[in-house]
């Protein structure tokens, strides 16, 4: 029986998938999932603003930028994605318990889920919040896949915050960004139709 896996469902799925990757695999190892958190740490370090407020300022400012360049629908979708992601981070951390962890295994699995989720959002012109807004703007303006600008912007922010983040965590963050952005480009570059049965169908 066929049914439509439309934009709304893809946005919700993207938020759930990236929230699962963050909550179950990345955050328990203190691995940053993107550049917005790095900017928040930098603002906290330089101006002594509470990191929670700093993170809100970063995301809200970038959403205003998205409203100007991407339009209200994209920003509304981003708000939905952020909300779904936040809820599923909380839910997944309370449902899934891993007693024995290998940081490199968690890093790889979590980054794959993170990239899959972000990719689903970006291919629907919806950002995952934070730096994803900027990456999406560059992707649309320059007609390039969003994974590359997302990777380089986040890496630049990680370098700026290197003095306030543990160097081991910084290395994990770089590797996580590389894996996740490869998955972003894979999802955004894959051409499928939205009506399917039991498997994806490629356009002819």
N, C-alpha and C. Protein backbone atom coordinates (compact mmCIF):
# COMPACT_ATOMS: atom_id res chain seq x y z
N UNK A 1 0.84 -1.19 0.00
CA UNK A 1 0.00 0.00 0.00
C UNK A 1 0.87 1.24 0.00
N UNK A 2 0.64 2.13 -0.97
CA UNK A 2 1.47 3.32 -1.10
C UNK A 2 0.94 4.44 -0.20
N UNK A 3 1.87 5.26 0.27
CA UNK A 3 1.49 6.47 0.96
C UNK A 3 2.57 7.51 0.74
N UNK A 4 2.27 8.74 1.10
CA UNK A 4 3.16 9.85 0.79
C UNK A 4 4.06 10.16 1.99
N UNK A 5 5.35 10.13 1.75
CA UNK A 5 6.33 10.54 2.75
C UNK A 5 6.73 11.96 2.38
N UNK A 6 5.89 12.94 2.76
CA UNK A 6 6.06 14.31 2.30
C UNK A 6 7.04 15.10 3.13
N UNK A 7 7.06 16.41 2.85
CA UNK A 7 8.04 17.29 3.48
C UNK A 7 7.90 17.31 4.99
N UNK A 8 6.65 17.42 5.48
CA UNK A 8 6.45 17.48 6.93
C UNK A 8 6.98 16.25 7.63
N UNK A 9 6.71 15.08 7.05
CA UNK A 9 7.18 13.84 7.66
C UNK A 9 8.70 13.73 7.60
N UNK A 10 9.29 14.23 6.51
CA UNK A 10 10.75 14.19 6.40
C UNK A 10 11.40 15.11 7.42
N UNK A 11 10.80 16.27 7.67
CA UNK A 11 11.34 17.20 8.66
C UNK A 11 11.28 16.58 10.05
N UNK A 12 10.15 15.97 10.38
CA UNK A 12 10.01 15.31 11.68
C UNK A 12 10.99 14.14 11.80
N UNK A 13 11.10 13.34 10.72
CA UNK A 13 12.04 12.22 10.73
C UNK A 13 13.47 12.70 10.89
N UNK A 14 13.81 13.79 10.20
CA UNK A 14 15.16 14.35 10.32
C UNK A 14 15.47 14.78 11.74
N UNK A 15 14.49 15.43 12.40
CA UNK A 15 14.70 15.85 13.78
C UNK A 15 14.86 14.67 14.71
N UNK A 16 14.06 13.62 14.50
CA UNK A 16 14.15 12.42 15.34
C UNK A 16 15.50 11.73 15.15
N UNK A 17 15.92 11.57 13.90
CA UNK A 17 17.17 10.86 13.61
C UNK A 17 18.37 11.58 14.18
N UNK A 18 18.45 12.91 13.97
CA UNK A 18 19.61 13.62 14.51
C UNK A 18 19.55 13.70 16.04
N UNK A 19 18.34 13.79 16.60
CA UNK A 19 18.21 13.78 18.05
C UNK A 19 18.67 12.46 18.64
N UNK A 20 18.37 11.36 17.96
CA UNK A 20 18.81 10.04 18.40
C UNK A 20 20.34 9.96 18.39
N UNK A 21 20.96 10.43 17.30
CA UNK A 21 22.42 10.40 17.22
C UNK A 21 23.08 11.23 18.30
N UNK A 22 22.51 12.41 18.56
CA UNK A 22 23.08 13.29 19.60
C UNK A 22 22.89 12.70 20.99
N UNK A 23 21.64 12.34 21.30
CA UNK A 23 21.30 11.94 22.66
C UNK A 23 21.88 10.62 23.09
N UNK A 24 21.97 9.66 22.17
CA UNK A 24 22.41 8.31 22.54
C UNK A 24 23.92 8.13 22.38
N UNK A 25 24.52 8.78 21.39
CA UNK A 25 25.92 8.49 21.08
C UNK A 25 26.89 9.66 21.27
N UNK A 26 26.53 10.87 20.87
CA UNK A 26 27.48 11.98 20.90
C UNK A 26 27.53 12.69 22.25
N UNK A 27 26.40 13.17 22.73
CA UNK A 27 26.39 13.95 23.96
C UNK A 27 26.87 13.19 25.19
N UNK A 28 26.58 11.88 25.32
CA UNK A 28 27.13 11.16 26.48
C UNK A 28 28.66 11.15 26.51
N UNK A 29 29.29 11.37 25.36
CA UNK A 29 30.75 11.44 25.29
C UNK A 29 31.25 12.87 25.21
N UNK A 30 30.35 13.85 25.41
CA UNK A 30 30.69 15.28 25.34
C UNK A 30 31.26 15.69 23.99
N UNK A 31 30.77 15.06 22.92
CA UNK A 31 31.23 15.40 21.57
C UNK A 31 30.29 16.46 21.00
N UNK A 32 30.80 17.65 20.64
CA UNK A 32 29.95 18.71 20.07
C UNK A 32 29.33 18.25 18.76
N UNK A 33 28.07 18.63 18.56
CA UNK A 33 27.37 18.22 17.34
C UNK A 33 27.41 19.29 16.26
N UNK A 34 27.96 20.45 16.54
CA UNK A 34 27.99 21.51 15.54
C UNK A 34 28.61 22.78 16.05
N UNK A 35 28.58 23.82 15.20
CA UNK A 35 29.26 25.06 15.50
C UNK A 35 28.50 25.99 16.42
N UNK A 36 27.17 25.87 16.50
CA UNK A 36 26.39 26.76 17.36
C UNK A 36 26.82 26.61 18.82
N UNK A 37 27.04 25.37 19.24
CA UNK A 37 27.52 25.13 20.59
C UNK A 37 28.90 25.73 20.82
N UNK A 38 29.76 25.65 19.79
CA UNK A 38 31.08 26.25 19.90
C UNK A 38 31.01 27.76 20.05
N UNK A 39 30.12 28.41 19.28
CA UNK A 39 29.94 29.85 19.40
C UNK A 39 29.41 30.22 20.78
N UNK A 40 28.50 29.38 21.30
CA UNK A 40 27.96 29.64 22.63
C UNK A 40 29.06 29.59 23.68
N UNK A 41 29.95 28.61 23.57
CA UNK A 41 31.08 28.50 24.50
C UNK A 41 31.99 29.71 24.38
N UNK A 42 32.23 30.17 23.14
CA UNK A 42 33.09 31.33 22.91
C UNK A 42 32.48 32.59 23.52
N UNK A 43 31.17 32.81 23.33
CA UNK A 43 30.49 33.97 23.92
C UNK A 43 30.55 33.90 25.44
N UNK A 44 30.32 32.72 25.98
CA UNK A 44 30.39 32.53 27.42
C UNK A 44 31.78 32.86 27.96
N UNK A 45 32.81 32.44 27.23
CA UNK A 45 34.20 32.66 27.66
C UNK A 45 34.59 34.13 27.58
N UNK A 46 34.18 34.81 26.51
CA UNK A 46 34.60 36.19 26.29
C UNK A 46 33.77 37.21 27.05
N UNK A 47 32.45 36.95 27.16
CA UNK A 47 31.55 37.95 27.72
C UNK A 47 30.84 37.48 28.99
N UNK A 48 31.15 36.26 29.44
CA UNK A 48 30.61 35.70 30.68
C UNK A 48 29.07 35.63 30.66
N UNK A 49 28.53 35.39 29.50
CA UNK A 49 27.09 35.16 29.36
C UNK A 49 26.82 33.69 29.62
N UNK A 50 25.76 33.39 30.35
CA UNK A 50 25.43 32.00 30.64
C UNK A 50 25.33 31.23 29.33
N UNK A 51 25.89 30.02 29.29
CA UNK A 51 26.00 29.28 28.04
C UNK A 51 24.63 28.94 27.44
N UNK A 52 23.63 28.72 28.31
CA UNK A 52 22.29 28.45 27.81
C UNK A 52 21.71 29.66 27.08
N UNK A 53 21.91 30.85 27.68
CA UNK A 53 21.44 32.09 27.04
C UNK A 53 22.25 32.36 25.78
N UNK A 54 23.55 32.10 25.83
CA UNK A 54 24.42 32.31 24.66
C UNK A 54 23.97 31.43 23.50
N UNK A 55 23.63 30.18 23.79
CA UNK A 55 23.18 29.27 22.74
C UNK A 55 21.86 29.74 22.14
N UNK A 56 20.97 30.25 22.99
CA UNK A 56 19.70 30.78 22.49
C UNK A 56 19.94 31.99 21.60
N UNK A 57 20.87 32.89 22.01
CA UNK A 57 21.19 34.08 21.21
C UNK A 57 21.72 33.67 19.84
N UNK A 58 22.62 32.68 19.81
CA UNK A 58 23.20 32.23 18.54
C UNK A 58 22.11 31.68 17.63
N UNK A 59 21.30 30.76 18.14
CA UNK A 59 20.26 30.15 17.31
C UNK A 59 19.22 31.16 16.86
N UNK A 60 18.80 32.06 17.76
CA UNK A 60 17.80 33.05 17.41
C UNK A 60 18.33 34.01 16.35
N UNK A 61 19.59 34.44 16.50
CA UNK A 61 20.19 35.36 15.53
C UNK A 61 20.28 34.71 14.15
N UNK A 62 20.67 33.44 14.12
CA UNK A 62 20.79 32.75 12.84
C UNK A 62 19.42 32.46 12.23
N UNK A 63 18.41 32.26 13.07
CA UNK A 63 17.05 32.09 12.56
C UNK A 63 16.54 33.39 11.93
N UNK A 64 16.90 34.54 12.51
CA UNK A 64 16.53 35.82 11.91
C UNK A 64 17.20 35.98 10.55
N UNK A 65 18.47 35.54 10.48
CA UNK A 65 19.18 35.55 9.20
C UNK A 65 18.47 34.65 8.20
N UNK A 66 18.03 33.49 8.66
CA UNK A 66 17.30 32.57 7.80
C UNK A 66 15.98 33.15 7.33
N UNK A 67 15.31 33.91 8.22
CA UNK A 67 14.03 34.53 7.86
C UNK A 67 14.22 35.51 6.71
N UNK A 68 15.34 36.22 6.71
CA UNK A 68 15.62 37.20 5.66
C UNK A 68 15.92 36.53 4.33
N UNK A 69 16.71 35.46 4.35
CA UNK A 69 17.19 34.85 3.11
C UNK A 69 16.41 33.62 2.66
N UNK A 70 15.78 32.93 3.60
CA UNK A 70 15.13 31.66 3.27
C UNK A 70 13.62 31.73 3.27
N UNK A 71 13.06 32.74 3.95
CA UNK A 71 11.62 32.86 3.99
C UNK A 71 11.02 32.24 5.24
N UNK A 72 9.77 32.62 5.52
CA UNK A 72 9.11 32.19 6.74
C UNK A 72 8.88 30.70 6.84
N UNK A 73 8.57 30.06 5.71
CA UNK A 73 8.29 28.62 5.74
C UNK A 73 9.50 27.83 6.20
N UNK A 74 10.69 28.22 5.71
CA UNK A 74 11.90 27.51 6.09
C UNK A 74 12.20 27.70 7.57
N UNK A 75 12.01 28.94 8.07
CA UNK A 75 12.26 29.22 9.48
C UNK A 75 11.25 28.47 10.36
N UNK A 76 10.00 28.42 9.93
CA UNK A 76 8.99 27.67 10.68
C UNK A 76 9.36 26.18 10.73
N UNK A 77 9.81 25.66 9.59
CA UNK A 77 10.25 24.27 9.56
C UNK A 77 11.43 24.03 10.47
N UNK A 78 12.34 25.02 10.53
CA UNK A 78 13.51 24.91 11.40
C UNK A 78 13.08 24.88 12.86
N UNK A 79 12.11 25.70 13.23
CA UNK A 79 11.60 25.70 14.61
C UNK A 79 11.01 24.33 14.96
N UNK A 80 10.29 23.74 14.00
CA UNK A 80 9.74 22.40 14.22
C UNK A 80 10.87 21.39 14.41
N UNK A 81 11.89 21.48 13.52
CA UNK A 81 13.01 20.54 13.59
C UNK A 81 13.75 20.65 14.91
N UNK A 82 14.00 21.89 15.36
CA UNK A 82 14.71 22.10 16.62
C UNK A 82 13.91 21.53 17.78
N UNK A 83 12.59 21.76 17.76
CA UNK A 83 11.73 21.27 18.83
C UNK A 83 11.71 19.74 18.87
N UNK A 84 11.52 19.11 17.70
CA UNK A 84 11.50 17.65 17.62
C UNK A 84 12.83 17.07 18.09
N UNK A 85 13.93 17.69 17.62
CA UNK A 85 15.26 17.22 18.01
C UNK A 85 15.46 17.29 19.51
N UNK A 86 15.11 18.43 20.11
CA UNK A 86 15.29 18.61 21.56
C UNK A 86 14.48 17.59 22.34
N UNK A 87 13.23 17.39 21.92
CA UNK A 87 12.38 16.42 22.61
C UNK A 87 12.96 15.01 22.50
N UNK A 88 13.43 14.65 21.30
CA UNK A 88 13.90 13.28 21.12
C UNK A 88 15.27 13.05 21.78
N UNK A 89 16.07 14.09 21.94
CA UNK A 89 17.30 13.96 22.71
C UNK A 89 16.95 13.54 24.14
N UNK A 90 15.98 14.25 24.73
CA UNK A 90 15.55 13.94 26.09
C UNK A 90 14.95 12.53 26.17
N UNK A 91 14.06 12.22 25.23
CA UNK A 91 13.39 10.91 25.24
C UNK A 91 14.39 9.78 25.04
N UNK A 92 15.28 9.92 24.06
CA UNK A 92 16.22 8.84 23.75
C UNK A 92 17.19 8.58 24.90
N UNK A 93 17.59 9.65 25.62
CA UNK A 93 18.50 9.47 26.73
C UNK A 93 17.85 8.73 27.89
N UNK A 94 16.52 8.81 27.96
CA UNK A 94 15.80 8.12 29.03
C UNK A 94 15.36 6.72 28.63
N UNK A 95 15.34 6.44 27.32
CA UNK A 95 14.91 5.13 26.85
C UNK A 95 16.09 4.20 26.62
N UNK A 96 17.12 4.72 25.95
CA UNK A 96 18.26 3.89 25.55
C UNK A 96 19.41 4.06 26.53
N UNK A 97 19.84 2.95 27.08
CA UNK A 97 20.94 2.95 28.04
C UNK A 97 22.05 2.02 27.55
N UNK A 98 23.25 2.57 27.38
CA UNK A 98 24.40 1.78 26.95
C UNK A 98 25.37 1.68 28.12
N UNK A 99 25.52 0.47 28.65
CA UNK A 99 26.32 0.28 29.86
C UNK A 99 27.82 0.34 29.59
N UNK A 100 28.24 -0.15 28.42
CA UNK A 100 29.68 -0.17 28.09
C UNK A 100 29.88 0.60 26.79
N UNK A 101 30.68 1.65 26.87
CA UNK A 101 30.84 2.52 25.71
C UNK A 101 32.26 2.47 25.16
N UNK A 102 32.36 2.49 23.84
CA UNK A 102 33.61 2.72 23.14
C UNK A 102 33.46 4.02 22.38
N UNK A 103 34.25 5.03 22.78
CA UNK A 103 34.02 6.38 22.27
C UNK A 103 34.09 6.45 20.74
N UNK A 104 34.99 5.65 20.13
CA UNK A 104 35.13 5.70 18.68
C UNK A 104 33.94 5.06 17.97
N UNK A 105 33.38 4.03 18.59
CA UNK A 105 32.17 3.42 18.03
C UNK A 105 31.00 4.39 18.13
N UNK A 106 30.85 5.01 19.32
CA UNK A 106 29.79 6.00 19.51
C UNK A 106 29.96 7.17 18.55
N UNK A 107 31.21 7.59 18.36
CA UNK A 107 31.50 8.72 17.47
C UNK A 107 31.04 8.43 16.04
N UNK A 108 31.36 7.26 15.54
CA UNK A 108 31.00 6.91 14.16
C UNK A 108 29.50 6.75 14.00
N UNK A 109 28.89 5.97 14.89
CA UNK A 109 27.44 5.72 14.78
C UNK A 109 26.66 7.02 14.97
N UNK A 110 27.02 7.77 16.00
CA UNK A 110 26.32 9.02 16.27
C UNK A 110 26.44 10.02 15.14
N UNK A 111 27.62 10.11 14.53
CA UNK A 111 27.84 11.04 13.42
C UNK A 111 27.05 10.64 12.19
N UNK A 112 26.92 9.34 11.95
CA UNK A 112 26.13 8.86 10.81
C UNK A 112 24.66 9.25 10.99
N UNK A 113 24.11 9.00 12.19
CA UNK A 113 22.72 9.39 12.45
C UNK A 113 22.55 10.90 12.38
N UNK A 114 23.51 11.64 12.92
CA UNK A 114 23.46 13.10 12.88
C UNK A 114 23.40 13.60 11.44
N UNK A 115 24.29 13.07 10.59
CA UNK A 115 24.33 13.49 9.19
C UNK A 115 23.09 13.12 8.42
N UNK A 116 22.54 11.92 8.69
CA UNK A 116 21.30 11.50 8.03
C UNK A 116 20.16 12.44 8.38
N UNK A 117 20.05 12.79 9.66
CA UNK A 117 18.99 13.68 10.09
C UNK A 117 19.11 15.06 9.50
N UNK A 118 20.32 15.62 9.56
CA UNK A 118 20.55 16.97 9.00
C UNK A 118 20.30 16.96 7.50
N UNK A 119 20.74 15.90 6.82
CA UNK A 119 20.55 15.81 5.38
C UNK A 119 19.08 15.83 4.99
N UNK A 120 18.24 15.10 5.73
CA UNK A 120 16.80 15.10 5.47
C UNK A 120 16.22 16.50 5.63
N UNK A 121 16.70 17.23 6.62
CA UNK A 121 16.20 18.59 6.84
C UNK A 121 16.64 19.53 5.73
N UNK A 122 17.93 19.50 5.41
CA UNK A 122 18.47 20.45 4.44
C UNK A 122 17.92 20.24 3.04
N UNK A 123 17.65 18.99 2.66
CA UNK A 123 17.12 18.74 1.31
C UNK A 123 15.68 19.22 1.18
N UNK A 124 15.05 19.54 2.32
CA UNK A 124 13.71 20.12 2.31
C UNK A 124 13.75 21.62 2.60
N UNK A 125 14.94 22.23 2.42
CA UNK A 125 15.13 23.66 2.69
C UNK A 125 14.80 24.04 4.13
N UNK A 126 15.06 23.12 5.03
CA UNK A 126 14.86 23.35 6.45
C UNK A 126 16.20 23.13 7.14
N UNK A 127 16.60 24.07 7.97
CA UNK A 127 17.86 23.96 8.68
C UNK A 127 17.68 23.17 9.97
N UNK A 128 18.77 22.61 10.46
CA UNK A 128 18.74 21.96 11.76
C UNK A 128 19.00 22.96 12.88
N UNK A 129 18.98 24.24 12.53
CA UNK A 129 19.27 25.29 13.51
C UNK A 129 20.75 25.61 13.51
N UNK A 130 21.10 26.68 14.17
CA UNK A 130 22.50 27.05 14.30
C UNK A 130 23.16 27.31 12.96
N UNK A 131 24.34 26.72 12.79
CA UNK A 131 25.15 26.96 11.60
C UNK A 131 24.51 26.36 10.34
N UNK A 132 23.60 25.41 10.54
CA UNK A 132 22.90 24.84 9.39
C UNK A 132 22.16 25.89 8.59
N UNK A 133 21.71 26.97 9.25
CA UNK A 133 21.03 28.06 8.54
C UNK A 133 21.97 28.70 7.54
N UNK A 134 23.20 29.00 7.99
CA UNK A 134 24.19 29.63 7.12
C UNK A 134 24.56 28.69 5.98
N UNK A 135 24.76 27.41 6.31
CA UNK A 135 25.11 26.43 5.28
C UNK A 135 24.03 26.32 4.22
N UNK A 136 22.76 26.38 4.65
CA UNK A 136 21.65 26.28 3.72
C UNK A 136 21.59 27.51 2.82
N UNK A 137 21.83 28.69 3.38
CA UNK A 137 21.86 29.92 2.57
C UNK A 137 22.95 29.84 1.51
N UNK A 138 24.15 29.42 1.92
CA UNK A 138 25.26 29.29 0.97
C UNK A 138 24.93 28.26 -0.09
N UNK A 139 24.32 27.13 0.33
CA UNK A 139 23.95 26.07 -0.60
C UNK A 139 23.01 26.59 -1.68
N UNK A 140 22.01 27.37 -1.27
CA UNK A 140 21.03 27.90 -2.22
C UNK A 140 21.65 28.97 -3.11
N UNK A 141 22.42 29.88 -2.51
CA UNK A 141 22.99 31.00 -3.26
C UNK A 141 24.06 30.54 -4.25
N UNK A 142 24.87 29.56 -3.84
CA UNK A 142 26.00 29.11 -4.66
C UNK A 142 25.69 27.85 -5.45
N UNK A 143 24.50 27.27 -5.23
CA UNK A 143 24.09 26.04 -5.91
C UNK A 143 25.09 24.91 -5.70
N UNK A 144 25.44 24.70 -4.42
CA UNK A 144 26.34 23.62 -4.04
C UNK A 144 25.66 22.78 -2.97
N UNK A 145 26.13 21.55 -2.79
CA UNK A 145 25.61 20.73 -1.70
C UNK A 145 25.99 21.37 -0.37
N UNK A 146 25.12 21.29 0.63
CA UNK A 146 25.34 22.02 1.88
C UNK A 146 26.39 21.41 2.80
N UNK A 147 26.79 20.17 2.55
CA UNK A 147 27.72 19.52 3.46
C UNK A 147 29.06 20.22 3.56
N UNK A 148 29.60 20.68 2.41
CA UNK A 148 30.93 21.31 2.43
C UNK A 148 30.96 22.62 3.21
N UNK A 149 30.04 23.59 2.94
CA UNK A 149 30.06 24.81 3.76
C UNK A 149 29.78 24.52 5.23
N UNK A 150 28.91 23.54 5.51
CA UNK A 150 28.63 23.19 6.90
C UNK A 150 29.90 22.70 7.59
N UNK A 151 30.67 21.88 6.89
CA UNK A 151 31.91 21.34 7.46
C UNK A 151 32.92 22.44 7.75
N UNK A 152 33.17 23.32 6.77
CA UNK A 152 34.21 24.33 6.94
C UNK A 152 33.83 25.40 7.95
N UNK A 153 32.57 25.79 7.99
CA UNK A 153 32.15 26.78 8.99
C UNK A 153 32.29 26.20 10.39
N UNK A 154 31.80 24.98 10.58
CA UNK A 154 31.91 24.36 11.90
C UNK A 154 33.35 24.16 12.32
N UNK A 155 34.19 23.73 11.38
CA UNK A 155 35.61 23.54 11.71
C UNK A 155 36.26 24.86 12.12
N UNK A 156 35.92 25.95 11.44
CA UNK A 156 36.47 27.26 11.79
C UNK A 156 36.07 27.64 13.21
N UNK A 157 34.81 27.36 13.56
CA UNK A 157 34.34 27.68 14.91
C UNK A 157 35.03 26.80 15.94
N UNK A 158 35.25 25.53 15.62
CA UNK A 158 35.95 24.65 16.56
C UNK A 158 37.38 25.14 16.82
N UNK A 159 38.02 25.67 15.79
CA UNK A 159 39.37 26.20 15.95
C UNK A 159 39.36 27.42 16.86
N UNK A 160 38.36 28.30 16.66
CA UNK A 160 38.24 29.50 17.49
C UNK A 160 38.03 29.16 18.96
N UNK A 161 37.33 28.09 19.21
CA UNK A 161 37.02 27.70 20.59
C UNK A 161 38.01 26.68 21.15
N UNK A 162 39.11 26.46 20.44
CA UNK A 162 40.07 25.43 20.86
C UNK A 162 40.65 25.71 22.24
N UNK A 163 40.74 26.98 22.61
CA UNK A 163 41.34 27.32 23.89
C UNK A 163 40.42 27.08 25.07
N UNK A 164 39.12 26.88 24.78
CA UNK A 164 38.18 26.64 25.87
C UNK A 164 37.57 25.24 25.82
N UNK A 165 37.99 24.41 24.84
CA UNK A 165 37.49 23.05 24.71
C UNK A 165 38.66 22.09 24.83
N UNK A 166 38.46 20.98 25.49
CA UNK A 166 39.48 19.96 25.61
C UNK A 166 39.93 19.50 24.22
N UNK A 167 41.26 19.36 24.05
CA UNK A 167 41.77 19.06 22.71
C UNK A 167 41.32 17.71 22.18
N UNK A 168 41.15 16.73 23.06
CA UNK A 168 40.65 15.43 22.62
C UNK A 168 39.23 15.56 22.07
N UNK A 169 38.41 16.32 22.78
CA UNK A 169 37.04 16.54 22.31
C UNK A 169 37.04 17.27 20.98
N UNK A 170 37.99 18.19 20.80
CA UNK A 170 38.08 18.93 19.55
C UNK A 170 38.37 17.99 18.38
N UNK A 171 39.26 17.04 18.60
CA UNK A 171 39.57 16.06 17.55
C UNK A 171 38.34 15.23 17.23
N UNK A 172 37.62 14.79 18.27
CA UNK A 172 36.39 14.05 18.04
C UNK A 172 35.38 14.88 17.25
N UNK A 173 35.32 16.19 17.57
CA UNK A 173 34.37 17.08 16.89
C UNK A 173 34.69 17.19 15.41
N UNK A 174 35.98 17.33 15.07
CA UNK A 174 36.38 17.40 13.66
C UNK A 174 35.99 16.12 12.91
N UNK A 175 36.29 14.98 13.51
CA UNK A 175 35.97 13.71 12.86
C UNK A 175 34.46 13.54 12.72
N UNK A 176 33.73 13.92 13.76
CA UNK A 176 32.27 13.85 13.70
C UNK A 176 31.72 14.71 12.59
N UNK A 177 32.26 15.92 12.45
CA UNK A 177 31.81 16.82 11.38
C UNK A 177 32.11 16.25 10.00
N UNK A 178 33.27 15.64 9.86
CA UNK A 178 33.64 15.07 8.55
C UNK A 178 32.67 13.94 8.18
N UNK A 179 32.41 13.04 9.14
CA UNK A 179 31.50 11.91 8.87
C UNK A 179 30.09 12.42 8.60
N UNK A 180 29.59 13.30 9.47
CA UNK A 180 28.21 13.75 9.35
C UNK A 180 27.98 14.55 8.07
N UNK A 181 28.95 15.38 7.67
CA UNK A 181 28.75 16.17 6.46
C UNK A 181 28.84 15.31 5.20
N UNK A 182 29.60 14.23 5.25
CA UNK A 182 29.59 13.29 4.13
C UNK A 182 28.20 12.65 4.00
N UNK A 183 27.60 12.33 5.14
CA UNK A 183 26.25 11.78 5.12
C UNK A 183 25.24 12.82 4.63
N UNK A 184 25.44 14.10 5.01
CA UNK A 184 24.56 15.17 4.54
C UNK A 184 24.58 15.24 3.02
N UNK A 185 25.77 15.25 2.43
CA UNK A 185 25.88 15.32 0.97
C UNK A 185 25.31 14.07 0.31
N UNK A 186 25.47 12.91 0.95
CA UNK A 186 24.91 11.67 0.42
C UNK A 186 23.39 11.75 0.35
N UNK A 187 22.77 12.22 1.43
CA UNK A 187 21.31 12.33 1.48
C UNK A 187 20.82 13.42 0.53
N UNK A 188 21.49 14.58 0.53
CA UNK A 188 21.05 15.70 -0.31
C UNK A 188 21.29 15.42 -1.79
N UNK A 189 22.27 14.60 -2.11
CA UNK A 189 22.57 14.31 -3.50
C UNK A 189 21.81 13.13 -4.05
N UNK A 190 21.12 12.37 -3.17
CA UNK A 190 20.36 11.20 -3.61
C UNK A 190 19.00 11.63 -4.10
N UNK A 191 18.63 11.18 -5.28
CA UNK A 191 17.40 11.62 -5.93
C UNK A 191 16.35 10.53 -5.81
N UNK A 192 15.33 10.75 -4.98
CA UNK A 192 14.27 9.77 -4.85
C UNK A 192 12.91 10.45 -4.94
N UNK A 193 11.90 9.66 -5.27
CA UNK A 193 10.55 10.21 -5.30
C UNK A 193 9.89 10.00 -3.95
N UNK A 194 8.91 10.83 -3.61
CA UNK A 194 8.35 10.80 -2.27
C UNK A 194 7.26 9.75 -2.09
N UNK A 195 6.82 9.12 -3.17
CA UNK A 195 5.85 8.04 -3.04
C UNK A 195 6.58 6.72 -3.14
N UNK A 196 6.39 5.84 -2.18
CA UNK A 196 7.13 4.59 -2.19
C UNK A 196 6.27 3.48 -1.58
N UNK A 197 6.73 2.26 -1.80
CA UNK A 197 6.05 1.12 -1.19
C UNK A 197 6.91 0.60 -0.05
N UNK A 198 7.70 -0.42 -0.31
CA UNK A 198 8.55 -0.96 0.75
C UNK A 198 9.97 -0.47 0.66
N UNK A 199 10.34 0.21 -0.39
CA UNK A 199 11.71 0.68 -0.52
C UNK A 199 11.72 1.96 -1.34
N UNK A 200 12.87 2.68 -1.27
CA UNK A 200 13.02 3.90 -2.05
C UNK A 200 13.06 3.55 -3.55
N UNK A 201 12.53 4.46 -4.36
CA UNK A 201 12.58 4.30 -5.80
C UNK A 201 13.30 5.49 -6.40
N UNK A 202 14.24 5.26 -7.26
CA UNK A 202 14.97 6.35 -7.89
C UNK A 202 14.20 6.83 -9.10
N UNK A 203 14.34 8.14 -9.37
CA UNK A 203 13.73 8.70 -10.57
C UNK A 203 14.42 8.15 -11.79
N UNK A 204 13.67 7.91 -12.84
CA UNK A 204 14.25 7.41 -14.07
C UNK A 204 14.78 8.57 -14.90
